[in-house]
Amino acid sequence: MSIVELFTIFKDIFLAGSAVTMAYVAYRGLEKWKSELAGKADFDVARNLIRSVYKLRNEIQSCRSLFVSAGEFPEGYRNGMAGLTNREKGDAWLYVYNNRWNPVFNAIQEFDVSTLEVEALWGRDAKEKTQALRQLAMRLRVAIDSFLRNEYSGNQDLANSDFDVRVRSDLNASGLKGDSLSPAIDSAIEEIEIMIRPHLKRDY
């Protein structure tokens, strides 16, 4: 076998080996790129979720504030409730709680978008963990509606019942023993934090 023939054989082997090596490198590069994309999507979803969680928490806290300033009431109601009809008192409180609830409602909408992303990326089990917080937000909405109905009825709707105690404790974040909504919200948020913590590590 001549030197030229040997050179041709070695050249073909080298080219074949190079092609295999390049294909392997390209495959590994594609896998790394896909992994980086998945990691970034994971991080972005986790970050969006926790932002929406904290925003919802803060808006709920504001809505449940014990202090109601005179400026929260509509014009004509800022000098007290004395002499007002039940309907007028109800209208005044409706105005207050509509303004307090609107930011909560907007935060719930953002939270719902984030939970859809969570379900798409992490599955239904992950979404179920987020729903506990949403249900607690709706529990506050029930308390608001019950309080307003009671105001319109001249404090006859609840009539010092056990439900009255529950409504008023849900309506206002007192931090006292009867306030069961505050620790429930904290617990729901903690569960979400535990779930997303591994996804916030940028190791890609």
N, C-alpha and C. Protein backbone atom coordinates (compact mmCIF):
# COMPACT_ATOMS: atom_id res chain seq x y z
N MET A 1 0.86 -1.19 0.00
CA MET A 1 0.00 0.00 0.00
C MET A 1 0.90 1.24 0.00
N SER A 2 0.55 2.14 -0.89
CA SER A 2 1.39 3.32 -1.04
C SER A 2 1.10 4.34 0.05
N ILE A 3 2.05 5.30 0.12
CA ILE A 3 1.88 6.36 1.11
C ILE A 3 0.65 7.18 0.81
N VAL A 4 0.37 7.40 -0.45
CA VAL A 4 -0.81 8.17 -0.84
C VAL A 4 -2.08 7.47 -0.39
N GLU A 5 -2.13 6.16 -0.56
CA GLU A 5 -3.32 5.40 -0.15
C GLU A 5 -3.50 5.46 1.37
N LEU A 6 -2.35 5.30 2.09
CA LEU A 6 -2.43 5.37 3.55
C LEU A 6 -2.92 6.76 4.00
N PHE A 7 -2.41 7.78 3.37
CA PHE A 7 -2.82 9.15 3.70
C PHE A 7 -4.32 9.33 3.48
N THR A 8 -4.81 8.78 2.34
CA THR A 8 -6.23 8.89 2.03
C THR A 8 -7.08 8.19 3.09
N ILE A 9 -6.63 7.01 3.54
CA ILE A 9 -7.38 6.26 4.56
C ILE A 9 -7.42 7.04 5.87
N PHE A 10 -6.20 7.53 6.27
CA PHE A 10 -6.13 8.30 7.54
C PHE A 10 -6.97 9.57 7.47
N LYS A 11 -6.97 10.20 6.29
CA LYS A 11 -7.76 11.43 6.12
C LYS A 11 -9.25 11.13 6.27
N ASP A 12 -9.70 10.01 5.65
CA ASP A 12 -11.11 9.65 5.76
C ASP A 12 -11.50 9.33 7.21
N ILE A 13 -10.60 8.63 7.91
CA ILE A 13 -10.87 8.29 9.32
C ILE A 13 -10.94 9.57 10.17
N PHE A 14 -10.00 10.49 9.89
CA PHE A 14 -9.96 11.74 10.64
C PHE A 14 -11.23 12.57 10.41
N LEU A 15 -11.64 12.63 9.12
CA LEU A 15 -12.83 13.40 8.80
C LEU A 15 -14.08 12.78 9.44
N ALA A 16 -14.13 11.44 9.39
CA ALA A 16 -15.28 10.76 10.02
C ALA A 16 -15.31 11.01 11.52
N GLY A 17 -14.11 10.94 12.14
CA GLY A 17 -14.03 11.19 13.58
C GLY A 17 -14.40 12.62 13.92
N SER A 18 -13.97 13.54 13.08
CA SER A 18 -14.29 14.95 13.30
C SER A 18 -15.80 15.18 13.21
N ALA A 19 -16.42 14.53 12.22
CA ALA A 19 -17.86 14.68 12.05
C ALA A 19 -18.61 14.16 13.27
N VAL A 20 -18.15 13.00 13.80
CA VAL A 20 -18.79 12.43 14.99
C VAL A 20 -18.60 13.37 16.18
N THR A 21 -17.37 13.89 16.33
CA THR A 21 -17.07 14.81 17.44
C THR A 21 -17.93 16.07 17.35
N MET A 22 -18.02 16.63 16.16
CA MET A 22 -18.82 17.85 15.98
C MET A 22 -20.29 17.60 16.26
N ALA A 23 -20.77 16.42 15.83
CA ALA A 23 -22.17 16.08 16.09
C ALA A 23 -22.42 15.96 17.59
N TYR A 24 -21.45 15.35 18.30
CA TYR A 24 -21.60 15.19 19.75
C TYR A 24 -21.57 16.54 20.46
N VAL A 25 -20.63 17.40 20.03
CA VAL A 25 -20.53 18.74 20.62
C VAL A 25 -21.81 19.53 20.37
N ALA A 26 -22.33 19.43 19.13
CA ALA A 26 -23.57 20.14 18.80
C ALA A 26 -24.73 19.62 19.64
N TYR A 27 -24.79 18.30 19.84
CA TYR A 27 -25.85 17.70 20.65
C TYR A 27 -25.77 18.18 22.09
N ARG A 28 -24.53 18.16 22.64
CA ARG A 28 -24.35 18.61 24.02
C ARG A 28 -24.69 20.09 24.16
N GLY A 29 -24.33 20.87 23.14
CA GLY A 29 -24.65 22.29 23.16
C GLY A 29 -26.15 22.53 23.14
N LEU A 30 -26.86 21.75 22.32
CA LEU A 30 -28.31 21.86 22.25
C LEU A 30 -28.96 21.48 23.56
N GLU A 31 -28.46 20.40 24.17
CA GLU A 31 -29.01 19.96 25.46
C GLU A 31 -28.77 21.01 26.54
N LYS A 32 -27.56 21.61 26.52
CA LYS A 32 -27.25 22.65 27.51
C LYS A 32 -28.15 23.86 27.29
N TRP A 33 -28.37 24.23 26.04
CA TRP A 33 -29.22 25.37 25.71
C TRP A 33 -30.66 25.12 26.17
N LYS A 34 -31.13 23.89 25.92
CA LYS A 34 -32.49 23.54 26.35
C LYS A 34 -32.60 23.57 27.87
N SER A 35 -31.54 23.09 28.53
CA SER A 35 -31.54 23.08 29.99
C SER A 35 -31.54 24.50 30.55
N GLU A 36 -30.77 25.40 29.90
CA GLU A 36 -30.73 26.79 30.34
C GLU A 36 -32.08 27.46 30.15
N LEU A 37 -32.75 27.16 29.02
CA LEU A 37 -34.07 27.73 28.78
C LEU A 37 -35.07 27.25 29.83
N ALA A 38 -35.02 25.94 30.12
CA ALA A 38 -35.93 25.38 31.13
C ALA A 38 -35.66 25.99 32.49
N GLY A 39 -34.35 26.17 32.83
CA GLY A 39 -33.99 26.76 34.12
C GLY A 39 -34.45 28.20 34.22
N LYS A 40 -34.32 28.96 33.12
CA LYS A 40 -34.75 30.36 33.12
C LYS A 40 -36.27 30.44 33.26
N ALA A 41 -36.98 29.56 32.54
CA ALA A 41 -38.44 29.56 32.65
C ALA A 41 -38.87 29.22 34.07
N ASP A 42 -38.18 28.25 34.67
CA ASP A 42 -38.45 27.86 36.04
C ASP A 42 -38.26 29.04 36.99
N PHE A 43 -37.15 29.73 36.84
CA PHE A 43 -36.83 30.88 37.69
C PHE A 43 -37.85 32.00 37.50
N ASP A 44 -38.18 32.30 36.25
CA ASP A 44 -39.11 33.40 35.96
C ASP A 44 -40.49 33.13 36.54
N VAL A 45 -40.96 31.89 36.40
CA VAL A 45 -42.27 31.54 36.94
C VAL A 45 -42.27 31.65 38.47
N ALA A 46 -41.21 31.15 39.09
CA ALA A 46 -41.10 31.23 40.55
C ALA A 46 -41.06 32.68 41.01
N ARG A 47 -40.29 33.52 40.32
CA ARG A 47 -40.18 34.92 40.70
C ARG A 47 -41.51 35.66 40.52
N ASN A 48 -42.18 35.41 39.40
CA ASN A 48 -43.48 36.05 39.18
C ASN A 48 -44.50 35.63 40.22
N LEU A 49 -44.46 34.35 40.58
CA LEU A 49 -45.42 33.86 41.56
C LEU A 49 -45.19 34.51 42.92
N ILE A 50 -43.94 34.55 43.38
CA ILE A 50 -43.71 35.08 44.72
C ILE A 50 -44.00 36.58 44.77
N ARG A 51 -43.75 37.28 43.66
CA ARG A 51 -44.11 38.70 43.62
C ARG A 51 -45.62 38.88 43.76
N SER A 52 -46.38 38.07 43.04
CA SER A 52 -47.84 38.19 43.10
C SER A 52 -48.36 37.77 44.48
N VAL A 53 -47.70 36.80 45.10
CA VAL A 53 -48.10 36.36 46.45
C VAL A 53 -47.92 37.50 47.45
N TYR A 54 -46.76 38.14 47.42
CA TYR A 54 -46.49 39.21 48.38
C TYR A 54 -47.36 40.43 48.12
N LYS A 55 -47.63 40.69 46.85
CA LYS A 55 -48.53 41.82 46.55
C LYS A 55 -49.93 41.53 47.08
N LEU A 56 -50.42 40.31 46.89
CA LEU A 56 -51.73 39.96 47.40
C LEU A 56 -51.76 40.03 48.91
N ARG A 57 -50.71 39.53 49.56
CA ARG A 57 -50.63 39.61 51.02
C ARG A 57 -50.72 41.05 51.50
N ASN A 58 -49.96 41.94 50.87
CA ASN A 58 -49.92 43.34 51.30
C ASN A 58 -51.27 44.04 51.09
N GLU A 59 -51.93 43.73 49.98
CA GLU A 59 -53.23 44.36 49.72
C GLU A 59 -54.30 43.83 50.69
N ILE A 60 -54.21 42.57 51.03
CA ILE A 60 -55.14 42.01 52.02
C ILE A 60 -54.92 42.70 53.37
N GLN A 61 -53.67 42.89 53.74
CA GLN A 61 -53.36 43.57 55.01
C GLN A 61 -53.93 44.98 55.03
N SER A 62 -53.79 45.69 53.92
CA SER A 62 -54.32 47.06 53.85
C SER A 62 -55.84 47.05 53.95
N CYS A 63 -56.47 46.10 53.28
CA CYS A 63 -57.93 46.00 53.31
C CYS A 63 -58.44 45.69 54.71
N ARG A 64 -57.66 44.94 55.48
CA ARG A 64 -58.08 44.52 56.82
C ARG A 64 -57.62 45.47 57.92
N SER A 65 -57.11 46.61 57.55
CA SER A 65 -56.62 47.55 58.56
C SER A 65 -57.72 47.92 59.55
N LEU A 66 -57.36 47.89 60.83
CA LEU A 66 -58.33 48.24 61.88
C LEU A 66 -58.71 49.72 61.82
N PHE A 67 -57.76 50.54 61.41
CA PHE A 67 -57.99 51.98 61.41
C PHE A 67 -58.69 52.41 60.12
N VAL A 68 -59.83 53.07 60.27
CA VAL A 68 -60.56 53.62 59.13
C VAL A 68 -60.58 55.13 59.31
N SER A 69 -59.87 55.84 58.45
CA SER A 69 -59.79 57.30 58.57
C SER A 69 -61.06 57.95 58.03
N ALA A 70 -61.31 59.17 58.46
CA ALA A 70 -62.48 59.91 57.98
C ALA A 70 -62.40 60.13 56.48
N GLY A 71 -61.16 60.25 55.97
CA GLY A 71 -60.97 60.47 54.54
C GLY A 71 -61.37 59.29 53.66
N GLU A 72 -61.55 58.12 54.27
CA GLU A 72 -61.97 56.95 53.48
C GLU A 72 -63.46 56.99 53.16
N PHE A 73 -64.22 57.76 53.93
CA PHE A 73 -65.66 57.85 53.70
C PHE A 73 -65.97 58.87 52.61
N PRO A 74 -67.10 58.73 51.95
CA PRO A 74 -67.45 59.71 50.91
C PRO A 74 -67.79 61.07 51.52
N GLU A 75 -67.77 62.08 50.68
CA GLU A 75 -68.15 63.43 51.13
C GLU A 75 -69.55 63.39 51.77
N GLY A 76 -69.68 64.10 52.87
CA GLY A 76 -70.96 64.15 53.55
C GLY A 76 -71.10 63.10 54.64
N TYR A 77 -70.13 62.17 54.72
CA TYR A 77 -70.18 61.13 55.75
C TYR A 77 -68.98 61.22 56.68
N ARG A 78 -68.21 62.28 56.58
CA ARG A 78 -66.95 62.34 57.29
C ARG A 78 -67.05 62.96 58.68
N ASN A 79 -68.23 63.31 59.09
CA ASN A 79 -68.42 63.89 60.42
C ASN A 79 -69.13 62.93 61.37
N GLY A 80 -69.09 61.64 61.04
CA GLY A 80 -69.73 60.64 61.89
C GLY A 80 -71.01 60.10 61.30
N MET A 81 -71.53 59.04 61.93
CA MET A 81 -72.71 58.35 61.40
C MET A 81 -74.00 58.74 62.13
N ALA A 82 -73.88 59.62 63.08
CA ALA A 82 -75.06 59.98 63.87
C ALA A 82 -76.15 60.58 62.98
N GLY A 83 -77.35 60.09 63.18
CA GLY A 83 -78.50 60.61 62.45
C GLY A 83 -78.68 60.04 61.05
N LEU A 84 -77.83 59.15 60.64
CA LEU A 84 -77.95 58.56 59.31
C LEU A 84 -78.88 57.35 59.34
N THR A 85 -79.57 57.10 58.24
CA THR A 85 -80.41 55.89 58.13
C THR A 85 -79.51 54.68 57.92
N ASN A 86 -80.12 53.50 58.10
CA ASN A 86 -79.37 52.27 57.89
C ASN A 86 -78.81 52.21 56.46
N ARG A 87 -79.62 52.63 55.51
CA ARG A 87 -79.17 52.62 54.12
C ARG A 87 -77.98 53.57 53.92
N GLU A 88 -78.05 54.74 54.51
CA GLU A 88 -76.95 55.70 54.37
C GLU A 88 -75.67 55.17 55.01
N LYS A 89 -75.82 54.52 56.17
CA LYS A 89 -74.64 53.91 56.81
C LYS A 89 -74.08 52.79 55.94
N GLY A 90 -74.97 51.98 55.39
CA GLY A 90 -74.53 50.91 54.50
C GLY A 90 -73.81 51.45 53.29
N ASP A 91 -74.37 52.51 52.71
CA ASP A 91 -73.73 53.13 51.53
C ASP A 91 -72.34 53.67 51.87
N ALA A 92 -72.21 54.25 53.05
CA ALA A 92 -70.91 54.80 53.47
C ALA A 92 -69.86 53.70 53.60
N TRP A 93 -70.24 52.60 54.26
CA TRP A 93 -69.30 51.50 54.42
C TRP A 93 -69.05 50.78 53.09
N LEU A 94 -70.05 50.74 52.23
CA LEU A 94 -69.86 50.16 50.91
C LEU A 94 -68.79 50.93 50.14
N TYR A 95 -68.84 52.22 50.24
CA TYR A 95 -67.84 53.08 49.58
C TYR A 95 -66.43 52.76 50.11
N VAL A 96 -66.33 52.66 51.43
CA VAL A 96 -65.03 52.37 52.06
C VAL A 96 -64.48 51.04 51.57
N TYR A 97 -65.32 50.00 51.65
CA TYR A 97 -64.81 48.66 51.35
C TYR A 97 -64.69 48.39 49.85
N ASN A 98 -65.43 49.11 49.02
CA ASN A 98 -65.18 49.00 47.58
C ASN A 98 -63.79 49.50 47.25
N ASN A 99 -63.43 50.64 47.85
CA ASN A 99 -62.10 51.20 47.61
C ASN A 99 -60.99 50.34 48.20
N ARG A 100 -61.28 49.70 49.31
CA ARG A 100 -60.27 48.82 49.92
C ARG A 100 -60.14 47.50 49.15
N TRP A 101 -61.24 47.02 48.60
CA TRP A 101 -61.22 45.72 47.94
C TRP A 101 -60.63 45.78 46.54
N ASN A 102 -60.81 46.90 45.84
CA ASN A 102 -60.34 46.97 44.45
C ASN A 102 -58.87 46.59 44.29
N PRO A 103 -57.95 47.10 45.13
CA PRO A 103 -56.55 46.66 44.98
C PRO A 103 -56.36 45.17 45.26
N VAL A 104 -57.16 44.62 46.17
CA VAL A 104 -57.09 43.18 46.44
C VAL A 104 -57.53 42.41 45.20
N PHE A 105 -58.61 42.85 44.59
CA PHE A 105 -59.13 42.20 43.39
C PHE A 105 -58.09 42.22 42.27
N ASN A 106 -57.43 43.36 42.08
CA ASN A 106 -56.39 43.45 41.05
C ASN A 106 -55.22 42.52 41.36
N ALA A 107 -54.87 42.43 42.64
CA ALA A 107 -53.79 41.53 43.05
C ALA A 107 -54.17 40.07 42.83
N ILE A 108 -55.45 39.74 43.07
CA ILE A 108 -55.92 38.37 42.82
C ILE A 108 -55.80 38.03 41.33
N GLN A 109 -56.12 38.98 40.45
CA GLN A 109 -56.01 38.73 39.02
C GLN A 109 -54.58 38.44 38.61
N GLU A 110 -53.62 39.22 39.14
CA GLU A 110 -52.21 38.96 38.85
C GLU A 110 -51.78 37.61 39.41
N PHE A 111 -52.26 37.31 40.60
CA PHE A 111 -51.95 36.03 41.24
C PHE A 111 -52.49 34.87 40.41
N ASP A 112 -53.69 35.02 39.87
CA ASP A 112 -54.30 33.96 39.06
C ASP A 112 -53.49 33.69 37.79
N VAL A 113 -52.97 34.75 37.17
CA VAL A 113 -52.12 34.57 35.98
C VAL A 113 -50.86 33.78 36.35
N SER A 114 -50.27 34.12 37.49
CA SER A 114 -49.06 33.42 37.94
C SER A 114 -49.34 31.95 38.23
N THR A 115 -50.51 31.67 38.82
CA THR A 115 -50.82 30.28 39.14
C THR A 115 -51.08 29.44 37.88
N LEU A 116 -51.57 30.08 36.83
CA LEU A 116 -51.73 29.36 35.56
C LEU A 116 -50.37 28.96 35.00
N GLU A 117 -49.39 29.85 35.12
CA GLU A 117 -48.03 29.53 34.68
C GLU A 117 -47.45 28.40 35.52
N VAL A 118 -47.72 28.46 36.82
CA VAL A 118 -47.25 27.40 37.72
C VAL A 118 -47.83 26.05 37.32
N GLU A 119 -49.12 26.02 37.04
CA GLU A 119 -49.77 24.76 36.65
C GLU A 119 -49.18 24.24 35.34
N ALA A 120 -48.93 25.13 34.39
CA ALA A 120 -48.40 24.71 33.09
C ALA A 120 -46.99 24.13 33.22
N LEU A 121 -46.19 24.68 34.12
CA LEU A 121 -44.79 24.26 34.23
C LEU A 121 -44.56 23.18 35.27
N TRP A 122 -45.28 23.26 36.39
CA TRP A 122 -45.02 22.35 37.50
C TRP A 122 -46.13 21.36 37.80
N GLY A 123 -47.28 21.52 37.15
CA GLY A 123 -48.36 20.56 37.33
C GLY A 123 -49.46 21.02 38.27
N ARG A 124 -50.53 20.25 38.29
CA ARG A 124 -51.73 20.61 39.06
C ARG A 124 -51.47 20.63 40.57
N ASP A 125 -50.60 19.74 41.05
CA ASP A 125 -50.33 19.70 42.49
C ASP A 125 -49.76 21.03 42.98
N ALA A 126 -48.90 21.63 42.15
CA ALA A 126 -48.31 22.92 42.52
C ALA A 126 -49.39 24.00 42.56
N LYS A 127 -50.29 23.96 41.60
CA LYS A 127 -51.35 24.97 41.58
C LYS A 127 -52.25 24.84 42.80
N GLU A 128 -52.51 23.61 43.22
CA GLU A 128 -53.38 23.41 44.38
C GLU A 128 -52.81 24.07 45.63
N LYS A 129 -51.48 24.12 45.74
CA LYS A 129 -50.87 24.76 46.91
C LYS A 129 -51.11 26.27 46.90
N THR A 130 -51.24 26.83 45.71
CA THR A 130 -51.48 28.27 45.64
C THR A 130 -52.93 28.63 45.92
N GLN A 131 -53.82 27.67 45.73
CA GLN A 131 -55.24 27.99 45.86
C GLN A 131 -55.68 28.25 47.30
N ALA A 132 -54.89 27.74 48.25
CA ALA A 132 -55.23 28.00 49.66
C ALA A 132 -55.23 29.49 49.95
N LEU A 133 -54.24 30.20 49.39
CA LEU A 133 -54.17 31.64 49.60
C LEU A 133 -55.33 32.35 48.93
N ARG A 134 -55.69 31.91 47.73
CA ARG A 134 -56.81 32.54 47.03
C ARG A 134 -58.12 32.34 47.80
N GLN A 135 -58.31 31.16 48.35
CA GLN A 135 -59.52 30.88 49.12
C GLN A 135 -59.60 31.77 50.36
N LEU A 136 -58.45 32.06 50.95
CA LEU A 136 -58.44 32.94 52.12
C LEU A 136 -58.77 34.37 51.73
N ALA A 137 -58.34 34.78 50.55
CA ALA A 137 -58.71 36.11 50.05
C ALA A 137 -60.22 36.19 49.85
N MET A 138 -60.81 35.11 49.33
CA MET A 138 -62.26 35.10 49.13
C MET A 138 -63.01 35.01 50.47
N ARG A 139 -62.37 34.42 51.46
CA ARG A 139 -62.96 34.42 52.81
C ARG A 139 -63.09 35.85 53.32
N LEU A 140 -62.10 36.68 53.03
CA LEU A 140 -62.19 38.10 53.39
C LEU A 140 -63.34 38.76 52.64
N ARG A 141 -63.52 38.41 51.36
CA ARG A 141 -64.62 38.99 50.59
C ARG A 141 -65.96 38.63 51.19
N VAL A 142 -66.10 37.40 51.67
CA VAL A 142 -67.34 36.97 52.32
C VAL A 142 -67.57 37.79 53.59
N ALA A 143 -66.51 38.03 54.34
CA ALA A 143 -66.63 38.83 55.58
C ALA A 143 -67.08 40.25 55.26
N ILE A 144 -66.51 40.82 54.21
CA ILE A 144 -66.91 42.18 53.81
C ILE A 144 -68.39 42.22 53.44
N ASP A 145 -68.81 41.28 52.60
CA ASP A 145 -70.21 41.25 52.17
C ASP A 145 -71.16 41.05 53.35
N SER A 146 -70.77 40.20 54.29
CA SER A 146 -71.61 39.95 55.47
C SER A 146 -71.69 41.20 56.34
N PHE A 147 -70.58 41.87 56.51
CA PHE A 147 -70.55 43.11 57.29
C PHE A 147 -71.45 44.17 56.65
N LEU A 148 -71.37 44.31 55.33
CA LEU A 148 -72.18 45.31 54.64
C LEU A 148 -73.68 45.00 54.75
N ARG A 149 -74.04 43.73 54.58
CA ARG A 149 -75.45 43.35 54.74
C ARG A 149 -75.94 43.69 56.14
N ASN A 150 -75.05 43.47 57.11
CA ASN A 150 -75.43 43.76 58.50
C ASN A 150 -75.63 45.26 58.71
N GLU A 151 -74.80 46.07 58.09
CA GLU A 151 -74.95 47.52 58.21
C GLU A 151 -76.26 47.98 57.58
N TYR A 152 -76.59 47.43 56.43
CA TYR A 152 -77.84 47.81 55.76
C TYR A 152 -79.06 47.36 56.57
N SER A 153 -78.91 46.28 57.35
CA SER A 153 -80.04 45.78 58.13
C SER A 153 -80.14 46.44 59.50
N GLY A 154 -79.25 47.41 59.78
CA GLY A 154 -79.28 48.06 61.10
C GLY A 154 -78.75 47.16 62.18
N ASN A 155 -77.72 46.39 61.86
CA ASN A 155 -77.09 45.45 62.80
C ASN A 155 -78.02 44.34 63.26
N GLN A 156 -78.98 43.98 62.41
CA GLN A 156 -79.91 42.90 62.74
C GLN A 156 -79.54 41.60 62.04
N ASP A 157 -78.72 41.69 61.01
CA ASP A 157 -78.42 40.51 60.19
C ASP A 157 -77.57 39.50 60.96
N LEU A 158 -76.54 39.98 61.63
CA LEU A 158 -75.65 39.08 62.37
C LEU A 158 -76.10 38.90 63.82
N ALA A 159 -76.60 39.96 64.41
CA ALA A 159 -77.22 39.90 65.75
C ALA A 159 -76.36 39.16 66.78
N ASN A 160 -75.08 39.57 66.88
CA ASN A 160 -74.19 39.04 67.91
C ASN A 160 -74.05 37.51 67.90
N SER A 161 -74.16 36.93 66.76
CA SER A 161 -74.01 35.47 66.63
C SER A 161 -72.54 35.10 66.58
N ASP A 162 -72.28 33.79 66.62
CA ASP A 162 -70.89 33.32 66.48
C ASP A 162 -70.34 33.73 65.12
N PHE A 163 -71.23 33.75 64.13
CA PHE A 163 -70.81 34.16 62.79
C PHE A 163 -70.40 35.63 62.79
N ASP A 164 -71.07 36.43 63.61
CA ASP A 164 -70.73 37.84 63.75
C ASP A 164 -69.29 37.99 64.23
N VAL A 165 -68.92 37.18 65.23
CA VAL A 165 -67.55 37.22 65.76
C VAL A 165 -66.56 36.83 64.67
N ARG A 166 -66.88 35.80 63.92
CA ARG A 166 -65.99 35.34 62.84
C ARG A 166 -65.86 36.40 61.76
N VAL A 167 -66.97 37.02 61.40
CA VAL A 167 -66.94 38.04 60.35
C VAL A 167 -66.05 39.21 60.77
N ARG A 168 -66.24 39.68 61.98
CA ARG A 168 -65.49 40.85 62.43
C ARG A 168 -64.00 40.52 62.63
N SER A 169 -63.68 39.30 63.02
CA SER A 169 -62.27 38.92 63.16
C SER A 169 -61.61 38.76 61.80
N ASP A 170 -62.37 38.30 60.81
CA ASP A 170 -61.83 38.19 59.45
C ASP A 170 -61.70 39.56 58.80
N LEU A 171 -62.61 40.45 59.14
CA LEU A 171 -62.63 41.78 58.52
C LEU A 171 -61.44 42.62 58.97
N ASN A 172 -61.04 42.47 60.21
CA ASN A 172 -59.97 43.29 60.78
C ASN A 172 -58.82 42.44 61.29
N ALA A 173 -57.60 42.80 60.84
CA ALA A 173 -56.41 42.07 61.27
C ALA A 173 -55.96 42.60 62.63
N SER A 174 -56.43 41.97 63.68
CA SER A 174 -56.11 42.43 65.03
C SER A 174 -54.86 41.77 65.59
N GLY A 175 -54.55 40.56 65.08
CA GLY A 175 -53.43 39.81 65.62
C GLY A 175 -53.75 39.14 66.95
N LEU A 176 -55.01 39.29 67.40
CA LEU A 176 -55.42 38.67 68.66
C LEU A 176 -55.82 37.22 68.44
N LYS A 177 -56.15 36.53 69.53
CA LYS A 177 -56.45 35.11 69.47
C LYS A 177 -57.60 34.81 68.53
N GLY A 178 -58.60 35.68 68.49
CA GLY A 178 -59.76 35.42 67.64
C GLY A 178 -59.49 35.63 66.16
N ASP A 179 -58.38 36.24 65.82
CA ASP A 179 -58.05 36.51 64.42
C ASP A 179 -57.39 35.26 63.82
N SER A 180 -58.22 34.39 63.27
CA SER A 180 -57.70 33.14 62.70
C SER A 180 -57.28 33.31 61.24
N LEU A 181 -57.70 34.39 60.60
CA LEU A 181 -57.37 34.58 59.19
C LEU A 181 -55.90 34.95 59.00
N SER A 182 -55.36 35.77 59.86
CA SER A 182 -53.96 36.20 59.72
C SER A 182 -52.99 35.02 59.74
N PRO A 183 -53.05 34.14 60.75
CA PRO A 183 -52.13 32.99 60.74
C PRO A 183 -52.39 32.03 59.58
N ALA A 184 -53.64 31.93 59.15
CA ALA A 184 -53.95 31.06 58.01
C ALA A 184 -53.29 31.58 56.74
N ILE A 185 -53.31 32.90 56.56
CA ILE A 185 -52.65 33.52 55.41
C ILE A 185 -51.14 33.30 55.49
N ASP A 186 -50.57 33.51 56.67
CA ASP A 186 -49.12 33.31 56.85
C ASP A 186 -48.73 31.87 56.53
N SER A 187 -49.54 30.92 56.97
CA SER A 187 -49.26 29.51 56.72
C SER A 187 -49.35 29.17 55.23
N ALA A 188 -50.36 29.70 54.56
CA ALA A 188 -50.52 29.45 53.12
C ALA A 188 -49.34 30.01 52.34
N ILE A 189 -48.88 31.19 52.72
CA ILE A 189 -47.74 31.81 52.04
C ILE A 189 -46.46 31.01 52.31
N GLU A 190 -46.30 30.52 53.52
CA GLU A 190 -45.12 29.72 53.84
C GLU A 190 -45.07 28.46 53.00
N GLU A 191 -46.21 27.82 52.77
CA GLU A 191 -46.25 26.62 51.92
C GLU A 191 -45.81 26.95 50.50
N ILE A 192 -46.24 28.10 49.99
CA ILE A 192 -45.83 28.51 48.65
C ILE A 192 -44.34 28.81 48.61
N GLU A 193 -43.84 29.47 49.64
CA GLU A 193 -42.41 29.78 49.70
C GLU A 193 -41.56 28.51 49.70
N ILE A 194 -41.99 27.52 50.46
CA ILE A 194 -41.26 26.25 50.49
C ILE A 194 -41.27 25.59 49.11
N MET A 195 -42.40 25.66 48.43
CA MET A 195 -42.53 25.04 47.12
C MET A 195 -41.61 25.68 46.08
N ILE A 196 -41.52 27.01 46.11
CA ILE A 196 -40.80 27.69 45.02
C ILE A 196 -39.32 27.92 45.33
N ARG A 197 -38.91 27.75 46.59
CA ARG A 197 -37.52 28.07 46.94
C ARG A 197 -36.50 27.36 46.05
N PRO A 198 -36.66 26.05 45.78
CA PRO A 198 -35.67 25.39 44.92
C PRO A 198 -35.65 25.97 43.50
N HIS A 199 -36.76 26.50 43.04
CA HIS A 199 -36.84 27.03 41.67
C HIS A 199 -36.23 28.43 41.54
N LEU A 200 -35.93 29.06 42.68
CA LEU A 200 -35.33 30.40 42.64
C LEU A 200 -33.80 30.35 42.63
N LYS A 201 -33.24 29.14 42.65
CA LYS A 201 -31.78 29.00 42.60
C LYS A 201 -31.33 29.04 41.13
N ARG A 202 -30.53 30.02 40.79
CA ARG A 202 -30.08 30.19 39.41
C ARG A 202 -28.80 29.39 39.20
N ASP A 203 -28.98 28.11 38.89
CA ASP A 203 -27.81 27.24 38.68
C ASP A 203 -27.68 26.83 37.23
N TYR A 204 -28.23 27.60 36.33
CA TYR A 204 -28.11 27.28 34.91
C TYR A 204 -27.12 28.24 34.26
